[in-house]
Amino acid sequence: MCGFLNMDSAEKLNVTAAMVSGVKDFNDILKAEVRAVTSEAGKKGIRPGMTGKDAIKLLF
């Protein structure tokens, strides 16, 4: 999820979401630092500060 989308809404909908910012393409997402996560993402071990690549690995 990029910073353009709303984390509060994602939280209310109980979805797994992690926010990164300053990205232009998928490769940037993989290298970017996760800035925020929903509680559902936290349950999967996704934490602010990890890379997008590491966060994606925890989804599967």
PDB file of N, CA and C in Angstrom:
ATOM      1  N   MET A   1       0.863  -1.163   0.000  1.00  0.00           N
ATOM      2  CA  MET A   1       0.000   0.000   0.000  1.00  0.00           C
ATOM      3  C   MET A   1       0.906   1.222   0.000  1.00  0.00           C
ATOM      4  N   CYS A   2       0.660   2.122  -0.906  1.00  0.00           N
ATOM      5  CA  CYS A   2       1.454   3.351  -0.927  1.00  0.00           C
ATOM      6  C   CYS A   2       0.824   4.365   0.016  1.00  0.00           C
ATOM      7  N   GLY A   3       1.551   5.430   0.296  1.00  0.00           N
ATOM      8  CA  GLY A   3       1.065   6.451   1.209  1.00  0.00           C
ATOM      9  C   GLY A   3      -0.181   7.161   0.723  1.00  0.00           C
ATOM     10  N   PHE A   4      -0.550   6.962  -0.524  1.00  0.00           N
ATOM     11  CA  PHE A   4      -1.743   7.591  -1.090  1.00  0.00           C
ATOM     12  C   PHE A   4      -3.018   6.986  -0.512  1.00  0.00           C
ATOM     13  N   LEU A   5      -2.960   5.719  -0.086  1.00  0.00           N
ATOM     14  CA  LEU A   5      -4.126   5.022   0.450  1.00  0.00           C
ATOM     15  C   LEU A   5      -4.228   5.232   1.951  1.00  0.00           C
ATOM     16  N   ASN A   6      -5.391   4.981   2.523  1.00  0.00           N
ATOM     17  CA  ASN A   6      -5.667   5.317   3.905  1.00  0.00           C
ATOM     18  C   ASN A   6      -5.519   4.108   4.834  1.00  0.00           C
ATOM     19  N   MET A   7      -4.547   4.174   5.734  1.00  0.00           N
ATOM     20  CA  MET A   7      -4.306   3.081   6.676  1.00  0.00           C
ATOM     21  C   MET A   7      -5.439   2.927   7.680  1.00  0.00           C
ATOM     22  N   ASP A   8      -6.086   4.021   8.067  1.00  0.00           N
ATOM     23  CA  ASP A   8      -7.214   3.931   9.000  1.00  0.00           C
ATOM     24  C   ASP A   8      -8.350   3.109   8.396  1.00  0.00           C
ATOM     25  N   SER A   9      -8.615   3.312   7.125  1.00  0.00           N
ATOM     26  CA  SER A   9      -9.654   2.529   6.454  1.00  0.00           C
ATOM     27  C   SER A   9      -9.258   1.060   6.367  1.00  0.00           C
ATOM     28  N   ALA A  10      -8.004   0.796   6.058  1.00  0.00           N
ATOM     29  CA  ALA A  10      -7.520  -0.584   5.984  1.00  0.00           C
ATOM     30  C   ALA A  10      -7.665  -1.261   7.341  1.00  0.00           C
ATOM     31  N   GLU A  11      -7.381  -0.542   8.404  1.00  0.00           N
ATOM     32  CA  GLU A  11      -7.506  -1.092   9.750  1.00  0.00           C
ATOM     33  C   GLU A  11      -8.965  -1.419  10.064  1.00  0.00           C
ATOM     34  N   LYS A  12      -9.858  -0.504   9.736  1.00  0.00           N
ATOM     35  CA  LYS A  12     -11.281  -0.717   9.996  1.00  0.00           C
ATOM     36  C   LYS A  12     -11.838  -1.912   9.230  1.00  0.00           C
ATOM     37  N   LEU A  13     -11.273  -2.189   8.065  1.00  0.00           N
ATOM     38  CA  LEU A  13     -11.723  -3.307   7.238  1.00  0.00           C
ATOM     39  C   LEU A  13     -11.010  -4.618   7.589  1.00  0.00           C
ATOM     40  N   ASN A  14     -10.116  -4.559   8.584  1.00  0.00           N
ATOM     41  CA  ASN A  14      -9.366  -5.743   9.031  1.00  0.00           C
ATOM     42  C   ASN A  14      -8.578  -6.415   7.915  1.00  0.00           C
ATOM     43  N   VAL A  15      -7.948  -5.609   7.078  1.00  0.00           N
ATOM     44  CA  VAL A  15      -7.134  -6.172   6.006  1.00  0.00           C
ATOM     45  C   VAL A  15      -5.652  -6.142   6.395  1.00  0.00           C
ATOM     46  N   THR A  16      -4.899  -7.031   5.796  1.00  0.00           N
ATOM     47  CA  THR A  16      -3.454  -7.026   5.973  1.00  0.00           C
ATOM     48  C   THR A  16      -2.881  -5.994   5.020  1.00  0.00           C
ATOM     49  N   ALA A  17      -2.253  -4.957   5.569  1.00  0.00           N
ATOM     50  CA  ALA A  17      -1.695  -3.902   4.729  1.00  0.00           C
ATOM     51  C   ALA A  17      -0.433  -3.344   5.374  1.00  0.00           C
ATOM     52  N   ALA A  18       0.518  -3.024   4.526  1.00  0.00           N
ATOM     53  CA  ALA A  18       1.741  -2.354   4.946  1.00  0.00           C
ATOM     54  C   ALA A  18       1.948  -1.173   4.011  1.00  0.00           C
ATOM     55  N   MET A  19       2.319  -0.035   4.563  1.00  0.00           N
ATOM     56  CA  MET A  19       2.473   1.173   3.762  1.00  0.00           C
ATOM     57  C   MET A  19       3.946   1.495   3.536  1.00  0.00           C
ATOM     58  N   VAL A  20       4.267   1.804   2.286  1.00  0.00           N
ATOM     59  CA  VAL A  20       5.570   2.347   1.922  1.00  0.00           C
ATOM     60  C   VAL A  20       5.315   3.669   1.215  1.00  0.00           C
ATOM     61  N   SER A  21       6.334   4.499   1.120  1.00  0.00           N
ATOM     62  CA  SER A  21       6.152   5.779   0.423  1.00  0.00           C
ATOM     63  C   SER A  21       7.373   6.080  -0.423  1.00  0.00           C
ATOM     64  N   GLY A  22       7.205   7.027  -1.339  1.00  0.00           N
ATOM     65  CA  GLY A  22       8.300   7.442  -2.207  1.00  0.00           C
ATOM     66  C   GLY A  22       8.676   6.420  -3.255  1.00  0.00           C
ATOM     67  N   VAL A  23       7.711   5.634  -3.709  1.00  0.00           N
ATOM     68  CA  VAL A  23       8.004   4.593  -4.700  1.00  0.00           C
ATOM     69  C   VAL A  23       7.395   4.954  -6.052  1.00  0.00           C
ATOM     70  N   LYS A  24       8.049   4.470  -7.107  1.00  0.00           N
ATOM     71  CA  LYS A  24       7.563   4.720  -8.463  1.00  0.00           C
ATOM     72  C   LYS A  24       7.199   3.430  -9.190  1.00  0.00           C
ATOM     73  N   ASP A  25       7.798   2.313  -8.779  1.00  0.00           N
ATOM     74  CA  ASP A  25       7.518   1.042  -9.436  1.00  0.00           C
ATOM     75  C   ASP A  25       7.685  -0.098  -8.432  1.00  0.00           C
ATOM     76  N   PHE A  26       7.415  -1.317  -8.882  1.00  0.00           N
ATOM     77  CA  PHE A  26       7.437  -2.463  -7.980  1.00  0.00           C
ATOM     78  C   PHE A  26       8.819  -2.691  -7.376  1.00  0.00           C
ATOM     79  N   ASN A  27       9.870  -2.472  -8.151  1.00  0.00           N
ATOM     80  CA  ASN A  27      11.224  -2.638  -7.614  1.00  0.00           C
ATOM     81  C   ASN A  27      11.478  -1.682  -6.460  1.00  0.00           C
ATOM     82  N   ASP A  28      10.938  -0.465  -6.557  1.00  0.00           N
ATOM     83  CA  ASP A  28      11.056   0.495  -5.453  1.00  0.00           C
ATOM     84  C   ASP A  28      10.322  -0.012  -4.217  1.00  0.00           C
ATOM     85  N   ILE A  29       9.164  -0.639  -4.414  1.00  0.00           N
ATOM     86  CA  ILE A  29       8.399  -1.191  -3.288  1.00  0.00           C
ATOM     87  C   ILE A  29       9.226  -2.248  -2.557  1.00  0.00           C
ATOM     88  N   LEU A  30       9.884  -3.104  -3.309  1.00  0.00           N
ATOM     89  CA  LEU A  30      10.693  -4.162  -2.695  1.00  0.00           C
ATOM     90  C   LEU A  30      11.818  -3.603  -1.837  1.00  0.00           C
ATOM     91  N   LYS A  31      12.392  -2.476  -2.253  1.00  0.00           N
ATOM     92  CA  LYS A  31      13.519  -1.870  -1.539  1.00  0.00           C
ATOM     93  C   LYS A  31      13.088  -0.884  -0.449  1.00  0.00           C
ATOM     94  N   ALA A  32      11.850  -0.415  -0.521  1.00  0.00           N
ATOM     95  CA  ALA A  32      11.384   0.620   0.405  1.00  0.00           C
ATOM     96  C   ALA A  32      11.217   0.090   1.826  1.00  0.00           C
ATOM     97  N   GLU A  33      11.305   0.997   2.764  1.00  0.00           N
ATOM     98  CA  GLU A  33      11.075   0.675   4.173  1.00  0.00           C
ATOM     99  C   GLU A  33       9.582   0.762   4.483  1.00  0.00           C
ATOM    100  N   VAL A  34       9.063  -0.250   5.147  1.00  0.00           N
ATOM    101  CA  VAL A  34       7.669  -0.225   5.578  1.00  0.00           C
ATOM    102  C   VAL A  34       7.530   0.864   6.631  1.00  0.00           C
ATOM    103  N   ARG A  35       6.560   1.751   6.433  1.00  0.00           N
ATOM    104  CA  ARG A  35       6.341   2.888   7.342  1.00  0.00           C
ATOM    105  C   ARG A  35       5.257   2.621   8.369  1.00  0.00           C
ATOM    106  N   ALA A  36       4.239   1.870   7.981  1.00  0.00           N
ATOM    107  CA  ALA A  36       3.107   1.595   8.876  1.00  0.00           C
ATOM    108  C   ALA A  36       2.487   0.269   8.483  1.00  0.00           C
ATOM    109  N   VAL A  37       1.853  -0.389   9.458  1.00  0.00           N
ATOM    110  CA  VAL A  37       1.182  -1.660   9.199  1.00  0.00           C
ATOM    111  C   VAL A  37      -0.147  -1.697   9.940  1.00  0.00           C
ATOM    112  N   THR A  38      -1.078  -2.492   9.425  1.00  0.00           N
ATOM    113  CA  THR A  38      -2.325  -2.729  10.146  1.00  0.00           C
ATOM    114  C   THR A  38      -2.078  -3.815  11.193  1.00  0.00           C
ATOM    115  N   SER A  39      -3.011  -3.955  12.117  1.00  0.00           N
ATOM    116  CA  SER A  39      -2.858  -4.987  13.147  1.00  0.00           C
ATOM    117  C   SER A  39      -2.854  -6.382  12.522  1.00  0.00           C
ATOM    118  N   GLU A  40      -3.605  -6.579  11.442  1.00  0.00           N
ATOM    119  CA  GLU A  40      -3.592  -7.877  10.747  1.00  0.00           C
ATOM    120  C   GLU A  40      -2.217  -8.168  10.160  1.00  0.00           C
ATOM    121  N   ALA A  41      -1.555  -7.153   9.634  1.00  0.00           N
ATOM    122  CA  ALA A  41      -0.194  -7.331   9.116  1.00  0.00           C
ATOM    123  C   ALA A  41       0.761  -7.659  10.259  1.00  0.00           C
ATOM    124  N   GLY A  42       0.574  -6.986  11.386  1.00  0.00           N
ATOM    125  CA  GLY A  42       1.404  -7.256  12.555  1.00  0.00           C
ATOM    126  C   GLY A  42       1.285  -8.693  13.024  1.00  0.00           C
ATOM    127  N   LYS A  43       0.094  -9.270  12.921  1.00  0.00           N
ATOM    128  CA  LYS A  43      -0.111 -10.673  13.305  1.00  0.00           C
ATOM    129  C   LYS A  43       0.698 -11.624  12.432  1.00  0.00           C
ATOM    130  N   LYS A  44       1.015 -11.185  11.225  1.00  0.00           N
ATOM    131  CA  LYS A  44       1.806 -12.000  10.300  1.00  0.00           C
ATOM    132  C   LYS A  44       3.305 -11.732  10.458  1.00  0.00           C
ATOM    133  N   GLY A  45       3.664 -10.834  11.373  1.00  0.00           N
ATOM    134  CA  GLY A  45       5.068 -10.531  11.615  1.00  0.00           C
ATOM    135  C   GLY A  45       5.610  -9.357  10.829  1.00  0.00           C
ATOM    136  N   ILE A  46       4.755  -8.670  10.113  1.00  0.00           N
ATOM    137  CA  ILE A  46       5.189  -7.511   9.328  1.00  0.00           C
ATOM    138  C   ILE A  46       5.316  -6.323  10.272  1.00  0.00           C
ATOM    139  N   ARG A  47       6.463  -5.648  10.210  1.00  0.00           N
ATOM    140  CA  ARG A  47       6.764  -4.557  11.128  1.00  0.00           C
ATOM    141  C   ARG A  47       7.308  -3.337  10.394  1.00  0.00           C
ATOM    142  N   PRO A  48       7.015  -2.148  10.913  1.00  0.00           N
ATOM    143  CA  PRO A  48       7.657  -0.953  10.357  1.00  0.00           C
ATOM    144  C   PRO A  48       9.180  -1.100  10.435  1.00  0.00           C
ATOM    145  N   GLY A  49       9.843  -0.618   9.408  1.00  0.00           N
ATOM    146  CA  GLY A  49      11.302  -0.670   9.357  1.00  0.00           C
ATOM    147  C   GLY A  49      11.842  -1.788   8.486  1.00  0.00           C
ATOM    148  N   MET A  50      11.042  -2.833   8.253  1.00  0.00           N
ATOM    149  CA  MET A  50      11.520  -3.906   7.388  1.00  0.00           C
ATOM    150  C   MET A  50      11.342  -3.489   5.924  1.00  0.00           C
ATOM    151  N   THR A  51      11.990  -4.185   5.024  1.00  0.00           N
ATOM    152  CA  THR A  51      11.844  -3.851   3.607  1.00  0.00           C
ATOM    153  C   THR A  51      10.524  -4.396   3.071  1.00  0.00           C
ATOM    154  N   GLY A  52      10.079  -3.812   1.988  1.00  0.00           N
ATOM    155  CA  GLY A  52       8.883  -4.316   1.327  1.00  0.00           C
ATOM    156  C   GLY A  52       9.056  -5.770   0.919  1.00  0.00           C
ATOM    157  N   LYS A  53      10.243  -6.126   0.469  1.00  0.00           N
ATOM    158  CA  LYS A  53      10.519  -7.512   0.064  1.00  0.00           C
ATOM    159  C   LYS A  53      10.325  -8.468   1.233  1.00  0.00           C
ATOM    160  N   ASP A  54      10.848  -8.128   2.392  1.00  0.00           N
ATOM    161  CA  ASP A  54      10.711  -8.987   3.565  1.00  0.00           C
ATOM    162  C   ASP A  54       9.246  -9.065   4.014  1.00  0.00           C
ATOM    163  N   ALA A  55       8.522  -7.951   3.897  1.00  0.00           N
ATOM    164  CA  ALA A  55       7.105  -7.934   4.266  1.00  0.00           C
ATOM    165  C   ALA A  55       6.296  -8.853   3.337  1.00  0.00           C
ATOM    166  N   ILE A  56       6.568  -8.782   2.056  1.00  0.00           N
ATOM    167  CA  ILE A  56       5.834  -9.596   1.086  1.00  0.00           C
ATOM    168  C   ILE A  56       6.055 -11.085   1.362  1.00  0.00           C
ATOM    169  N   LYS A  57       7.255 -11.456   1.732  1.00  0.00           N
ATOM    170  CA  LYS A  57       7.550 -12.865   2.025  1.00  0.00           C
ATOM    171  C   LYS A  57       6.681 -13.394   3.154  1.00  0.00           C
ATOM    172  N   LEU A  58       6.298 -12.547   4.095  1.00  0.00           N
ATOM    173  CA  LEU A  58       5.501 -12.977   5.230  1.00  0.00           C
ATOM    174  C   LEU A  58       4.011 -13.123   4.890  1.00  0.00           C
ATOM    175  N   LEU A  59       3.622 -12.696   3.719  1.00  0.00           N
ATOM    176  CA  LEU A  59       2.224 -12.823   3.310  1.00  0.00           C
ATOM    177  C   LEU A  59       1.874 -14.248   2.872  1.00  0.00           C
ATOM    178  N   PHE A  60       2.882 -15.040   2.538  1.00  0.00           N
ATOM    179  CA  PHE A  60       2.628 -16.369   1.970  1.00  0.00           C
ATOM    180  C   PHE A  60       3.174 -17.468   2.836  1.00  0.00           C
TER     181      PHE A  60
END
